[in-house]
Amino acid sequence: MIKAILFDLDGTLLDRDTSIQNFIVSQYERFKPQLNKIPKEDYIKRFIELDCRGYVWKDKVYQSLVSEFEISAITWEELLSDYNIHFIYSCTPFPNLHQTLDTLLIQGYLLGIITNGLGVFQKRAIQGLGINRYFQTILISEVEGVRKPDVEIFVRALYKLNVRPHESVFIGDHPEVDILGASNAGMKSIWKRNSGWHEAQHADGIIDDLGEIPLLIKNIIRI
């Protein structure tokens, strides 16, 4: 019997690509006097390239931007600070996020998040989505000192929810970090399809939309 459903954050609940696009456009506008020698499209495009889907720390991203574009009117530290403060206002959920979480709570499931990233920043992203109230536990890699796909972080989350691995499902978009990691921990897994990654071979189910989760969970229970 499935008792708990746990989620990745970026690329699963948070539409990170849209959020980053919205943020970097707004950042350029905020600092337009300091950045006006750089074409807006070039600034946006290069930030997204350097960001590498969130797998490069933002201090490195901004240091590279300042160096490559020879920005002198503002420091990389100031740009990074702006990112940390304002990204929350660009956080964009995937469709059907709140409706799906409401349904899963009504159906009696325990809910959790396991996400890699910096503690304060990820907490603010969750706040930006307005979803804190849905989750009984939230584990962030910086706080825990361990990152997905390490089995330990999945085990900790299950311990906090007082459920066994076979009583839980993990939903994420990364084939190795999320799906293989959860499978190695003995959990069922659902891959949220992401064109940026190859097919998840170890998933027990695949979704394109969060709204598909409640029915798919019922099918997994029958496995």
N, C-alpha and C. Protein backbone atom coordinates (compact mmCIF):
# COMPACT_ATOMS: atom_id res chain seq x y z
N MET A 1 0.84 -1.20 0.00
CA MET A 1 0.00 0.00 0.00
C MET A 1 0.88 1.26 0.00
N ILE A 2 0.57 2.19 -0.87
CA ILE A 2 1.32 3.43 -0.93
C ILE A 2 0.78 4.41 0.12
N LYS A 3 1.68 4.89 0.99
CA LYS A 3 1.29 5.82 2.04
C LYS A 3 1.86 7.23 1.84
N ALA A 4 2.99 7.34 1.13
CA ALA A 4 3.66 8.62 1.01
C ALA A 4 4.10 8.88 -0.43
N ILE A 5 4.02 10.14 -0.83
CA ILE A 5 4.45 10.56 -2.15
C ILE A 5 5.43 11.71 -1.96
N LEU A 6 6.62 11.55 -2.51
CA LEU A 6 7.66 12.57 -2.36
C LEU A 6 8.05 13.11 -3.74
N PHE A 7 8.43 14.37 -3.75
CA PHE A 7 8.70 15.07 -5.00
C PHE A 7 10.08 15.70 -5.02
N ASP A 8 10.66 15.74 -6.21
CA ASP A 8 11.75 16.65 -6.52
C ASP A 8 11.12 18.04 -6.66
N LEU A 9 11.93 19.09 -6.62
CA LEU A 9 11.41 20.45 -6.76
C LEU A 9 11.63 21.01 -8.17
N ASP A 10 12.88 21.30 -8.52
CA ASP A 10 13.17 21.94 -9.80
C ASP A 10 12.91 21.00 -10.97
N GLY A 11 12.10 21.43 -11.91
CA GLY A 11 11.79 20.61 -13.07
C GLY A 11 10.66 19.64 -12.83
N THR A 12 10.15 19.59 -11.60
CA THR A 12 9.06 18.67 -11.28
C THR A 12 7.84 19.44 -10.78
N LEU A 13 8.03 20.23 -9.73
CA LEU A 13 6.96 21.11 -9.24
C LEU A 13 7.15 22.52 -9.77
N LEU A 14 8.40 22.98 -9.73
CA LEU A 14 8.77 24.30 -10.24
C LEU A 14 9.15 24.20 -11.71
N ASP A 15 8.45 24.97 -12.55
CA ASP A 15 8.83 25.05 -13.97
C ASP A 15 10.07 25.94 -14.03
N ARG A 16 11.21 25.32 -13.87
CA ARG A 16 12.44 26.09 -13.71
C ARG A 16 12.82 26.86 -14.96
N ASP A 17 12.62 26.25 -16.13
CA ASP A 17 13.00 26.93 -17.37
C ASP A 17 12.23 28.25 -17.52
N THR A 18 10.92 28.20 -17.29
CA THR A 18 10.10 29.41 -17.38
C THR A 18 10.47 30.40 -16.29
N SER A 19 10.70 29.89 -15.08
CA SER A 19 11.04 30.76 -13.96
C SER A 19 12.35 31.51 -14.22
N ILE A 20 13.36 30.79 -14.71
CA ILE A 20 14.65 31.41 -15.01
C ILE A 20 14.51 32.43 -16.13
N GLN A 21 13.76 32.09 -17.16
CA GLN A 21 13.56 33.02 -18.26
C GLN A 21 12.90 34.31 -17.77
N ASN A 22 11.85 34.16 -16.96
CA ASN A 22 11.16 35.33 -16.43
C ASN A 22 12.08 36.17 -15.54
N PHE A 23 12.87 35.47 -14.72
CA PHE A 23 13.75 36.19 -13.81
C PHE A 23 14.82 36.98 -14.54
N ILE A 24 15.50 36.34 -15.48
CA ILE A 24 16.64 37.00 -16.10
C ILE A 24 16.20 38.19 -16.96
N VAL A 25 14.99 38.11 -17.51
CA VAL A 25 14.43 39.26 -18.22
C VAL A 25 14.21 40.41 -17.25
N SER A 26 13.62 40.10 -16.09
CA SER A 26 13.35 41.15 -15.11
C SER A 26 14.65 41.70 -14.52
N GLN A 27 15.66 40.85 -14.35
CA GLN A 27 16.93 41.35 -13.84
C GLN A 27 17.58 42.32 -14.82
N TYR A 28 17.54 41.98 -16.07
CA TYR A 28 18.12 42.88 -17.07
C TYR A 28 17.43 44.25 -17.01
N GLU A 29 16.11 44.23 -16.87
CA GLU A 29 15.37 45.50 -16.82
C GLU A 29 15.73 46.29 -15.56
N ARG A 30 15.91 45.59 -14.43
CA ARG A 30 16.27 46.30 -13.19
C ARG A 30 17.62 46.98 -13.31
N PHE A 31 18.55 46.33 -14.01
CA PHE A 31 19.91 46.86 -14.11
C PHE A 31 20.23 47.39 -15.51
N LYS A 32 19.20 47.78 -16.21
CA LYS A 32 19.40 48.23 -17.59
C LYS A 32 20.41 49.37 -17.72
N PRO A 33 20.42 50.34 -16.81
CA PRO A 33 21.45 51.40 -16.94
C PRO A 33 22.88 50.86 -16.89
N GLN A 34 23.10 49.80 -16.10
CA GLN A 34 24.44 49.22 -15.97
C GLN A 34 24.74 48.21 -17.08
N LEU A 35 23.69 47.70 -17.72
CA LEU A 35 23.87 46.63 -18.70
C LEU A 35 23.51 47.04 -20.12
N ASN A 36 23.22 48.32 -20.31
CA ASN A 36 22.65 48.73 -21.60
C ASN A 36 23.60 48.59 -22.79
N LYS A 37 24.88 48.38 -22.52
CA LYS A 37 25.82 48.15 -23.63
C LYS A 37 25.74 46.72 -24.13
N ILE A 38 25.04 45.87 -23.37
CA ILE A 38 24.90 44.46 -23.73
C ILE A 38 23.49 44.25 -24.29
N PRO A 39 23.36 43.71 -25.50
CA PRO A 39 22.02 43.44 -26.02
C PRO A 39 21.26 42.51 -25.07
N LYS A 40 20.01 42.84 -24.82
CA LYS A 40 19.19 42.08 -23.88
C LYS A 40 19.17 40.60 -24.22
N GLU A 41 19.00 40.29 -25.50
CA GLU A 41 18.91 38.89 -25.93
C GLU A 41 20.21 38.14 -25.64
N ASP A 42 21.34 38.84 -25.80
CA ASP A 42 22.64 38.20 -25.55
C ASP A 42 22.82 37.90 -24.07
N TYR A 43 22.41 38.84 -23.20
CA TYR A 43 22.53 38.65 -21.76
C TYR A 43 21.69 37.46 -21.31
N ILE A 44 20.47 37.40 -21.79
CA ILE A 44 19.55 36.31 -21.42
C ILE A 44 20.08 34.97 -21.91
N LYS A 45 20.47 34.93 -23.18
CA LYS A 45 20.93 33.68 -23.78
C LYS A 45 22.17 33.15 -23.07
N ARG A 46 23.11 34.04 -22.76
CA ARG A 46 24.36 33.58 -22.15
C ARG A 46 24.14 33.12 -20.72
N PHE A 47 23.26 33.81 -19.99
CA PHE A 47 22.96 33.38 -18.62
C PHE A 47 22.41 31.96 -18.64
N ILE A 48 21.46 31.70 -19.51
CA ILE A 48 20.83 30.37 -19.58
C ILE A 48 21.85 29.31 -19.95
N GLU A 49 22.76 29.64 -20.86
CA GLU A 49 23.81 28.69 -21.25
C GLU A 49 24.72 28.38 -20.07
N LEU A 50 25.18 29.42 -19.38
CA LEU A 50 26.10 29.24 -18.26
C LEU A 50 25.44 28.53 -17.09
N ASP A 51 24.15 28.77 -16.91
CA ASP A 51 23.40 28.16 -15.81
C ASP A 51 23.32 26.65 -15.93
N CYS A 52 23.34 26.15 -17.17
CA CYS A 52 23.37 24.69 -17.42
C CYS A 52 22.27 23.96 -16.65
N ARG A 53 21.04 24.49 -16.82
CA ARG A 53 19.86 23.88 -16.19
C ARG A 53 19.98 23.79 -14.67
N GLY A 54 20.68 24.75 -14.08
CA GLY A 54 20.78 24.81 -12.63
C GLY A 54 21.91 24.01 -12.03
N TYR A 55 22.74 23.39 -12.86
CA TYR A 55 23.80 22.54 -12.35
C TYR A 55 25.13 23.27 -12.17
N VAL A 56 25.11 24.60 -12.40
CA VAL A 56 26.29 25.42 -12.12
C VAL A 56 25.89 26.46 -11.08
N TRP A 57 26.68 26.59 -10.02
CA TRP A 57 26.36 27.56 -8.97
C TRP A 57 26.31 28.95 -9.55
N LYS A 58 25.39 29.77 -9.04
CA LYS A 58 25.16 31.10 -9.62
C LYS A 58 26.35 32.04 -9.42
N ASP A 59 27.17 31.83 -8.40
CA ASP A 59 28.34 32.70 -8.27
C ASP A 59 29.25 32.52 -9.49
N LYS A 60 29.40 31.27 -9.95
CA LYS A 60 30.22 31.01 -11.14
C LYS A 60 29.56 31.60 -12.39
N VAL A 61 28.24 31.49 -12.47
CA VAL A 61 27.51 32.03 -13.62
C VAL A 61 27.74 33.53 -13.73
N TYR A 62 27.56 34.24 -12.61
CA TYR A 62 27.69 35.70 -12.65
C TYR A 62 29.14 36.16 -12.82
N GLN A 63 30.07 35.42 -12.26
CA GLN A 63 31.47 35.77 -12.49
C GLN A 63 31.81 35.66 -13.97
N SER A 64 31.30 34.61 -14.61
CA SER A 64 31.55 34.43 -16.05
C SER A 64 30.88 35.52 -16.86
N LEU A 65 29.65 35.87 -16.51
CA LEU A 65 28.93 36.92 -17.23
C LEU A 65 29.69 38.25 -17.16
N VAL A 66 30.09 38.62 -15.96
CA VAL A 66 30.80 39.89 -15.77
C VAL A 66 32.11 39.90 -16.55
N SER A 67 32.80 38.78 -16.55
CA SER A 67 34.07 38.69 -17.26
C SER A 67 33.87 38.72 -18.79
N GLU A 68 32.96 37.92 -19.28
CA GLU A 68 32.77 37.80 -20.73
C GLU A 68 32.25 39.09 -21.35
N PHE A 69 31.30 39.74 -20.65
CA PHE A 69 30.71 40.97 -21.18
C PHE A 69 31.46 42.22 -20.72
N GLU A 70 32.52 42.02 -19.94
CA GLU A 70 33.34 43.13 -19.44
C GLU A 70 32.47 44.16 -18.72
N ILE A 71 31.62 43.67 -17.82
CA ILE A 71 30.73 44.54 -17.06
C ILE A 71 31.52 45.20 -15.93
N SER A 72 31.46 46.50 -15.86
CA SER A 72 32.21 47.22 -14.83
C SER A 72 31.31 48.08 -13.94
N ALA A 73 30.09 48.34 -14.40
CA ALA A 73 29.20 49.23 -13.65
C ALA A 73 28.49 48.54 -12.49
N ILE A 74 28.62 47.21 -12.43
CA ILE A 74 28.00 46.44 -11.35
C ILE A 74 28.82 45.19 -11.13
N THR A 75 28.88 44.70 -9.90
CA THR A 75 29.69 43.53 -9.58
C THR A 75 28.88 42.25 -9.70
N TRP A 76 29.60 41.14 -9.82
CA TRP A 76 28.91 39.86 -9.87
C TRP A 76 28.22 39.57 -8.54
N GLU A 77 28.79 40.08 -7.44
CA GLU A 77 28.16 39.88 -6.12
C GLU A 77 26.81 40.57 -6.05
N GLU A 78 26.72 41.77 -6.65
CA GLU A 78 25.44 42.50 -6.65
C GLU A 78 24.40 41.78 -7.50
N LEU A 79 24.82 41.23 -8.63
CA LEU A 79 23.90 40.48 -9.48
C LEU A 79 23.44 39.20 -8.79
N LEU A 80 24.36 38.54 -8.10
CA LEU A 80 24.01 37.33 -7.36
C LEU A 80 23.03 37.64 -6.23
N SER A 81 23.28 38.73 -5.52
CA SER A 81 22.37 39.14 -4.45
C SER A 81 20.98 39.42 -5.00
N ASP A 82 20.92 40.06 -6.15
CA ASP A 82 19.63 40.33 -6.79
C ASP A 82 18.91 39.03 -7.13
N TYR A 83 19.66 38.04 -7.60
CA TYR A 83 19.09 36.72 -7.91
C TYR A 83 18.50 36.08 -6.65
N ASN A 84 19.26 36.10 -5.57
CA ASN A 84 18.81 35.48 -4.33
C ASN A 84 17.56 36.16 -3.77
N ILE A 85 17.46 37.46 -3.96
CA ILE A 85 16.33 38.22 -3.41
C ILE A 85 15.10 38.13 -4.30
N HIS A 86 15.29 38.23 -5.61
CA HIS A 86 14.15 38.41 -6.50
C HIS A 86 13.66 37.16 -7.23
N PHE A 87 14.43 36.08 -7.21
CA PHE A 87 13.97 34.90 -7.95
C PHE A 87 12.61 34.41 -7.45
N ILE A 88 12.35 34.57 -6.18
CA ILE A 88 11.10 34.11 -5.59
C ILE A 88 9.88 34.67 -6.34
N TYR A 89 10.03 35.88 -6.89
CA TYR A 89 8.90 36.53 -7.56
C TYR A 89 8.70 36.04 -8.99
N SER A 90 9.63 35.23 -9.47
CA SER A 90 9.51 34.67 -10.82
C SER A 90 9.17 33.18 -10.79
N CYS A 91 9.03 32.61 -9.60
CA CYS A 91 8.77 31.17 -9.49
C CYS A 91 7.44 30.82 -10.16
N THR A 92 7.51 29.90 -11.10
CA THR A 92 6.35 29.53 -11.90
C THR A 92 6.07 28.03 -11.72
N PRO A 93 4.86 27.67 -11.27
CA PRO A 93 4.55 26.25 -11.10
C PRO A 93 4.20 25.60 -12.43
N PHE A 94 4.37 24.29 -12.49
CA PHE A 94 3.83 23.56 -13.62
C PHE A 94 2.30 23.53 -13.50
N PRO A 95 1.60 23.36 -14.62
CA PRO A 95 0.13 23.31 -14.56
C PRO A 95 -0.37 22.24 -13.59
N ASN A 96 -1.47 22.55 -12.95
CA ASN A 96 -2.20 21.62 -12.07
C ASN A 96 -1.45 21.29 -10.78
N LEU A 97 -0.47 22.11 -10.40
CA LEU A 97 0.29 21.82 -9.19
C LEU A 97 -0.60 21.81 -7.95
N HIS A 98 -1.26 22.90 -7.67
CA HIS A 98 -2.05 23.00 -6.45
C HIS A 98 -3.23 22.02 -6.46
N GLN A 99 -3.87 21.86 -7.60
CA GLN A 99 -5.00 20.94 -7.68
C GLN A 99 -4.56 19.51 -7.37
N THR A 100 -3.40 19.14 -7.90
CA THR A 100 -2.90 17.78 -7.68
C THR A 100 -2.53 17.56 -6.22
N LEU A 101 -1.85 18.51 -5.61
CA LEU A 101 -1.47 18.38 -4.20
C LEU A 101 -2.71 18.34 -3.32
N ASP A 102 -3.72 19.15 -3.64
CA ASP A 102 -4.98 19.11 -2.89
C ASP A 102 -5.61 17.72 -2.97
N THR A 103 -5.63 17.16 -4.17
CA THR A 103 -6.23 15.83 -4.38
C THR A 103 -5.48 14.76 -3.58
N LEU A 104 -4.16 14.81 -3.63
CA LEU A 104 -3.37 13.79 -2.93
C LEU A 104 -3.56 13.89 -1.41
N LEU A 105 -3.67 15.09 -0.89
CA LEU A 105 -3.94 15.24 0.55
C LEU A 105 -5.31 14.70 0.91
N ILE A 106 -6.29 15.01 0.09
CA ILE A 106 -7.65 14.52 0.34
C ILE A 106 -7.68 13.00 0.32
N GLN A 107 -6.86 12.41 -0.55
CA GLN A 107 -6.80 10.95 -0.64
C GLN A 107 -6.00 10.32 0.49
N GLY A 108 -5.42 11.15 1.35
CA GLY A 108 -4.79 10.65 2.57
C GLY A 108 -3.30 10.36 2.50
N TYR A 109 -2.64 10.79 1.44
CA TYR A 109 -1.21 10.53 1.32
C TYR A 109 -0.39 11.53 2.14
N LEU A 110 0.72 11.06 2.70
CA LEU A 110 1.73 11.94 3.26
C LEU A 110 2.56 12.48 2.11
N LEU A 111 2.94 13.75 2.19
CA LEU A 111 3.68 14.37 1.10
C LEU A 111 5.01 14.93 1.59
N GLY A 112 6.02 14.85 0.72
CA GLY A 112 7.34 15.38 1.06
C GLY A 112 8.08 15.88 -0.16
N ILE A 113 9.13 16.64 0.07
CA ILE A 113 10.02 17.12 -0.99
C ILE A 113 11.44 16.73 -0.63
N ILE A 114 12.18 16.25 -1.62
CA ILE A 114 13.63 16.04 -1.49
C ILE A 114 14.27 16.78 -2.65
N THR A 115 15.05 17.81 -2.35
CA THR A 115 15.63 18.62 -3.41
C THR A 115 17.10 18.90 -3.16
N ASN A 116 17.88 18.88 -4.21
CA ASN A 116 19.26 19.33 -4.13
C ASN A 116 19.28 20.86 -4.24
N GLY A 117 20.23 21.49 -3.57
CA GLY A 117 20.35 22.94 -3.67
C GLY A 117 20.68 23.58 -2.34
N LEU A 118 20.71 24.90 -2.35
CA LEU A 118 21.02 25.67 -1.15
C LEU A 118 19.76 25.83 -0.30
N GLY A 119 19.95 25.71 1.02
CA GLY A 119 18.82 25.69 1.93
C GLY A 119 17.91 26.90 1.83
N VAL A 120 18.47 28.09 2.03
CA VAL A 120 17.66 29.31 2.04
C VAL A 120 17.00 29.53 0.68
N PHE A 121 17.76 29.31 -0.39
CA PHE A 121 17.22 29.56 -1.72
C PHE A 121 16.07 28.62 -2.05
N GLN A 122 16.23 27.34 -1.77
CA GLN A 122 15.17 26.37 -2.09
C GLN A 122 13.93 26.61 -1.23
N LYS A 123 14.13 27.01 0.02
CA LYS A 123 12.98 27.34 0.87
C LYS A 123 12.21 28.52 0.29
N ARG A 124 12.94 29.49 -0.25
CA ARG A 124 12.27 30.65 -0.85
C ARG A 124 11.55 30.27 -2.14
N ALA A 125 12.11 29.34 -2.90
CA ALA A 125 11.44 28.89 -4.11
C ALA A 125 10.13 28.18 -3.77
N ILE A 126 10.16 27.35 -2.73
CA ILE A 126 8.95 26.67 -2.27
C ILE A 126 7.92 27.69 -1.80
N GLN A 127 8.41 28.70 -1.10
CA GLN A 127 7.54 29.79 -0.65
C GLN A 127 6.95 30.52 -1.86
N GLY A 128 7.76 30.74 -2.87
CA GLY A 128 7.30 31.43 -4.07
C GLY A 128 6.19 30.67 -4.78
N LEU A 129 6.22 29.36 -4.70
CA LEU A 129 5.17 28.54 -5.29
C LEU A 129 3.93 28.47 -4.40
N GLY A 130 4.08 28.86 -3.13
CA GLY A 130 2.96 28.82 -2.20
C GLY A 130 2.51 27.42 -1.83
N ILE A 131 3.48 26.51 -1.63
CA ILE A 131 3.12 25.10 -1.41
C ILE A 131 3.63 24.53 -0.08
N ASN A 132 4.19 25.36 0.78
CA ASN A 132 4.73 24.85 2.05
C ASN A 132 3.73 24.00 2.81
N ARG A 133 2.49 24.44 2.86
CA ARG A 133 1.48 23.83 3.72
C ARG A 133 1.14 22.39 3.34
N TYR A 134 1.51 21.98 2.14
CA TYR A 134 1.13 20.64 1.69
C TYR A 134 2.05 19.54 2.25
N PHE A 135 3.25 19.91 2.69
CA PHE A 135 4.28 18.90 2.93
C PHE A 135 4.58 18.66 4.40
N GLN A 136 4.64 17.37 4.74
CA GLN A 136 4.98 16.99 6.11
C GLN A 136 6.49 17.01 6.35
N THR A 137 7.26 16.90 5.29
CA THR A 137 8.72 16.98 5.43
C THR A 137 9.33 17.54 4.15
N ILE A 138 10.38 18.35 4.31
CA ILE A 138 11.12 18.92 3.18
C ILE A 138 12.60 18.77 3.49
N LEU A 139 13.31 18.04 2.65
CA LEU A 139 14.75 17.84 2.83
C LEU A 139 15.50 18.53 1.70
N ILE A 140 16.48 19.36 2.07
CA ILE A 140 17.29 20.10 1.12
C ILE A 140 18.74 19.67 1.30
N SER A 141 19.42 19.38 0.21
CA SER A 141 20.73 18.73 0.28
C SER A 141 21.74 19.52 1.11
N GLU A 142 21.79 20.85 0.95
CA GLU A 142 22.77 21.62 1.71
C GLU A 142 22.54 21.46 3.21
N VAL A 143 21.30 21.46 3.61
CA VAL A 143 20.95 21.32 5.03
C VAL A 143 21.28 19.92 5.53
N GLU A 144 21.01 18.92 4.70
CA GLU A 144 21.20 17.53 5.10
C GLU A 144 22.65 17.08 5.00
N GLY A 145 23.44 17.78 4.19
CA GLY A 145 24.83 17.37 3.99
C GLY A 145 24.98 16.16 3.10
N VAL A 146 23.95 15.85 2.33
CA VAL A 146 23.97 14.72 1.40
C VAL A 146 23.03 15.06 0.25
N ARG A 147 23.40 14.62 -0.96
CA ARG A 147 22.65 14.98 -2.16
C ARG A 147 22.07 13.76 -2.84
N LYS A 148 20.93 13.95 -3.49
CA LYS A 148 20.47 12.91 -4.42
C LYS A 148 21.52 12.75 -5.50
N PRO A 149 21.81 11.56 -5.98
CA PRO A 149 21.05 10.32 -5.80
C PRO A 149 21.48 9.45 -4.62
N ASP A 150 22.26 9.99 -3.68
CA ASP A 150 22.66 9.20 -2.52
C ASP A 150 21.43 8.66 -1.80
N VAL A 151 21.40 7.37 -1.58
CA VAL A 151 20.25 6.71 -0.95
C VAL A 151 19.93 7.31 0.42
N GLU A 152 20.95 7.80 1.10
CA GLU A 152 20.78 8.30 2.47
C GLU A 152 19.72 9.38 2.57
N ILE A 153 19.66 10.29 1.61
CA ILE A 153 18.71 11.39 1.72
C ILE A 153 17.27 10.90 1.53
N PHE A 154 17.08 9.86 0.72
CA PHE A 154 15.75 9.26 0.57
C PHE A 154 15.36 8.54 1.86
N VAL A 155 16.31 7.82 2.44
CA VAL A 155 16.05 7.09 3.68
C VAL A 155 15.66 8.05 4.80
N ARG A 156 16.33 9.17 4.89
CA ARG A 156 16.01 10.16 5.93
C ARG A 156 14.58 10.67 5.79
N ALA A 157 14.18 10.95 4.55
CA ALA A 157 12.82 11.45 4.32
C ALA A 157 11.78 10.42 4.71
N LEU A 158 12.03 9.16 4.37
CA LEU A 158 11.09 8.10 4.72
C LEU A 158 11.01 7.92 6.23
N TYR A 159 12.14 8.05 6.90
CA TYR A 159 12.17 7.94 8.36
C TYR A 159 11.32 9.04 8.99
N LYS A 160 11.45 10.25 8.46
CA LYS A 160 10.67 11.38 9.00
C LYS A 160 9.17 11.17 8.79
N LEU A 161 8.80 10.50 7.72
CA LEU A 161 7.39 10.24 7.44
C LEU A 161 6.90 8.93 8.06
N ASN A 162 7.85 8.17 8.63
CA ASN A 162 7.53 6.89 9.26
C ASN A 162 6.86 5.92 8.29
N VAL A 163 7.45 5.83 7.09
CA VAL A 163 6.98 4.86 6.10
C VAL A 163 8.16 4.06 5.58
N ARG A 164 7.87 2.88 5.07
CA ARG A 164 8.91 2.03 4.50
C ARG A 164 9.05 2.31 3.00
N PRO A 165 10.21 1.99 2.42
CA PRO A 165 10.44 2.32 1.01
C PRO A 165 9.34 1.82 0.08
N HIS A 166 8.88 0.58 0.26
CA HIS A 166 7.87 0.05 -0.67
C HIS A 166 6.50 0.68 -0.47
N GLU A 167 6.36 1.51 0.56
CA GLU A 167 5.10 2.21 0.79
C GLU A 167 5.15 3.65 0.24
N SER A 168 6.15 3.95 -0.56
CA SER A 168 6.35 5.32 -1.02
C SER A 168 6.63 5.39 -2.51
N VAL A 169 6.35 6.56 -3.06
CA VAL A 169 6.62 6.85 -4.48
C VAL A 169 7.39 8.16 -4.55
N PHE A 170 8.44 8.20 -5.38
CA PHE A 170 9.17 9.44 -5.61
C PHE A 170 8.94 9.89 -7.04
N ILE A 171 8.69 11.21 -7.20
CA ILE A 171 8.40 11.78 -8.51
C ILE A 171 9.46 12.83 -8.82
N GLY A 172 10.14 12.67 -9.95
CA GLY A 172 11.18 13.62 -10.32
C GLY A 172 11.43 13.62 -11.81
N ASP A 173 12.26 14.56 -12.27
CA ASP A 173 12.48 14.70 -13.71
C ASP A 173 13.84 14.20 -14.18
N HIS A 174 14.76 13.95 -13.24
CA HIS A 174 16.10 13.53 -13.66
C HIS A 174 16.22 11.99 -13.58
N PRO A 175 16.58 11.34 -14.69
CA PRO A 175 16.62 9.88 -14.72
C PRO A 175 17.54 9.24 -13.68
N GLU A 176 18.72 9.85 -13.43
CA GLU A 176 19.65 9.28 -12.46
C GLU A 176 19.47 9.86 -11.06
N VAL A 177 19.50 11.17 -10.97
CA VAL A 177 19.44 11.83 -9.67
C VAL A 177 18.15 11.50 -8.93
N ASP A 178 17.04 11.50 -9.64
CA ASP A 178 15.75 11.27 -9.02
C ASP A 178 15.29 9.81 -9.11
N ILE A 179 15.16 9.33 -10.33
CA ILE A 179 14.53 8.03 -10.54
C ILE A 179 15.42 6.88 -10.08
N LEU A 180 16.66 6.85 -10.54
CA LEU A 180 17.56 5.78 -10.12
C LEU A 180 17.86 5.87 -8.63
N GLY A 181 18.04 7.09 -8.13
CA GLY A 181 18.29 7.27 -6.70
C GLY A 181 17.16 6.70 -5.86
N ALA A 182 15.91 7.03 -6.22
CA ALA A 182 14.76 6.53 -5.47
C ALA A 182 14.62 5.02 -5.61
N SER A 183 14.85 4.51 -6.81
CA SER A 183 14.77 3.06 -7.03
C SER A 183 15.80 2.32 -6.19
N ASN A 184 17.00 2.86 -6.10
CA ASN A 184 18.05 2.24 -5.28
C ASN A 184 17.70 2.25 -3.80
N ALA A 185 16.84 3.20 -3.41
CA ALA A 185 16.38 3.27 -2.01
C ALA A 185 15.20 2.34 -1.76
N GLY A 186 14.74 1.64 -2.81
CA GLY A 186 13.63 0.70 -2.65
C GLY A 186 12.25 1.32 -2.86
N MET A 187 12.22 2.57 -3.33
CA MET A 187 10.96 3.26 -3.56
C MET A 187 10.43 2.99 -4.97
N LYS A 188 9.12 3.13 -5.14
CA LYS A 188 8.56 3.22 -6.48
C LYS A 188 8.92 4.61 -7.02
N SER A 189 8.89 4.76 -8.33
CA SER A 189 9.26 6.06 -8.89
C SER A 189 8.42 6.39 -10.11
N ILE A 190 8.19 7.69 -10.29
CA ILE A 190 7.49 8.20 -11.46
C ILE A 190 8.36 9.27 -12.09
N TRP A 191 8.61 9.14 -13.37
CA TRP A 191 9.41 10.11 -14.09
C TRP A 191 8.51 11.17 -14.70
N LYS A 192 8.74 12.44 -14.36
CA LYS A 192 8.07 13.54 -15.05
C LYS A 192 8.89 13.85 -16.28
N ARG A 193 8.35 13.51 -17.40
CA ARG A 193 9.11 13.58 -18.64
C ARG A 193 9.74 14.96 -18.85
N ASN A 194 11.01 14.95 -19.21
CA ASN A 194 11.76 16.18 -19.42
C ASN A 194 12.62 15.98 -20.65
N SER A 195 12.37 16.78 -21.69
CA SER A 195 13.07 16.61 -22.96
C SER A 195 14.56 16.87 -22.84
N GLY A 196 14.98 17.49 -21.73
CA GLY A 196 16.41 17.76 -21.54
C GLY A 196 17.20 16.55 -21.11
N TRP A 197 16.49 15.48 -20.71
CA TRP A 197 17.17 14.28 -20.24
C TRP A 197 16.73 13.08 -21.07
N HIS A 198 17.54 12.04 -21.06
CA HIS A 198 17.18 10.82 -21.76
C HIS A 198 16.09 10.07 -20.98
N GLU A 199 15.49 9.10 -21.61
CA GLU A 199 14.39 8.34 -20.99
C GLU A 199 14.83 7.68 -19.69
N ALA A 200 13.96 7.73 -18.69
CA ALA A 200 14.25 7.10 -17.40
C ALA A 200 13.91 5.61 -17.47
N GLN A 201 14.92 4.77 -17.41
CA GLN A 201 14.74 3.34 -17.60
C GLN A 201 14.16 2.63 -16.38
N HIS A 202 14.34 3.23 -15.20
CA HIS A 202 13.97 2.52 -13.97
C HIS A 202 12.63 2.97 -13.40
N ALA A 203 11.93 3.85 -14.09
CA ALA A 203 10.68 4.40 -13.55
C ALA A 203 9.55 3.37 -13.60
N ASP A 204 8.68 3.43 -12.59
CA ASP A 204 7.49 2.58 -12.57
C ASP A 204 6.33 3.22 -13.32
N GLY A 205 6.49 4.49 -13.68
CA GLY A 205 5.47 5.20 -14.44
C GLY A 205 6.04 6.48 -15.00
N ILE A 206 5.37 7.04 -16.00
CA ILE A 206 5.81 8.28 -16.64
C ILE A 206 4.62 9.22 -16.76
N ILE A 207 4.84 10.50 -16.48
CA ILE A 207 3.80 11.50 -16.65
C ILE A 207 4.35 12.68 -17.47
N ASP A 208 3.44 13.38 -18.11
CA ASP A 208 3.77 14.65 -18.76
C ASP A 208 3.17 15.82 -18.01
N ASP A 209 2.17 15.55 -17.18
CA ASP A 209 1.45 16.60 -16.46
C ASP A 209 1.21 16.13 -15.03
N LEU A 210 1.35 17.05 -14.08
CA LEU A 210 1.15 16.69 -12.67
C LEU A 210 -0.26 16.15 -12.41
N GLY A 211 -1.21 16.59 -13.21
CA GLY A 211 -2.58 16.14 -13.03
C GLY A 211 -2.78 14.64 -13.26
N GLU A 212 -1.79 13.99 -13.87
CA GLU A 212 -1.87 12.55 -14.13
C GLU A 212 -1.51 11.71 -12.90
N ILE A 213 -0.95 12.34 -11.89
CA ILE A 213 -0.40 11.59 -10.76
C ILE A 213 -1.43 10.76 -9.99
N PRO A 214 -2.57 11.31 -9.57
CA PRO A 214 -3.49 10.52 -8.74
C PRO A 214 -3.90 9.19 -9.39
N LEU A 215 -4.23 9.22 -10.69
CA LEU A 215 -4.63 7.98 -11.36
C LEU A 215 -3.45 7.03 -11.50
N LEU A 216 -2.28 7.55 -11.81
CA LEU A 216 -1.11 6.69 -11.97
C LEU A 216 -0.73 6.03 -10.64
N ILE A 217 -0.87 6.75 -9.55
CA ILE A 217 -0.61 6.15 -8.24
C ILE A 217 -1.51 4.96 -8.01
N LYS A 218 -2.77 5.07 -8.36
CA LYS A 218 -3.70 3.94 -8.21
C LYS A 218 -3.24 2.75 -9.03
N ASN A 219 -2.72 3.01 -10.25
CA ASN A 219 -2.23 1.92 -11.09
C ASN A 219 -0.98 1.28 -10.48
N ILE A 220 -0.11 2.10 -9.89
CA ILE A 220 1.10 1.57 -9.25
C ILE A 220 0.74 0.69 -8.07
N ILE A 221 -0.28 1.07 -7.33
CA ILE A 221 -0.71 0.27 -6.18
C ILE A 221 -1.10 -1.14 -6.62
N ARG A 222 -1.59 -1.25 -7.85
CA ARG A 222 -2.02 -2.57 -8.36
C ARG A 222 -0.86 -3.43 -8.83
N ILE A 223 0.33 -2.78 -8.97
CA ILE A 223 1.51 -3.54 -9.47
C ILE A 223 1.89 -4.63 -8.49
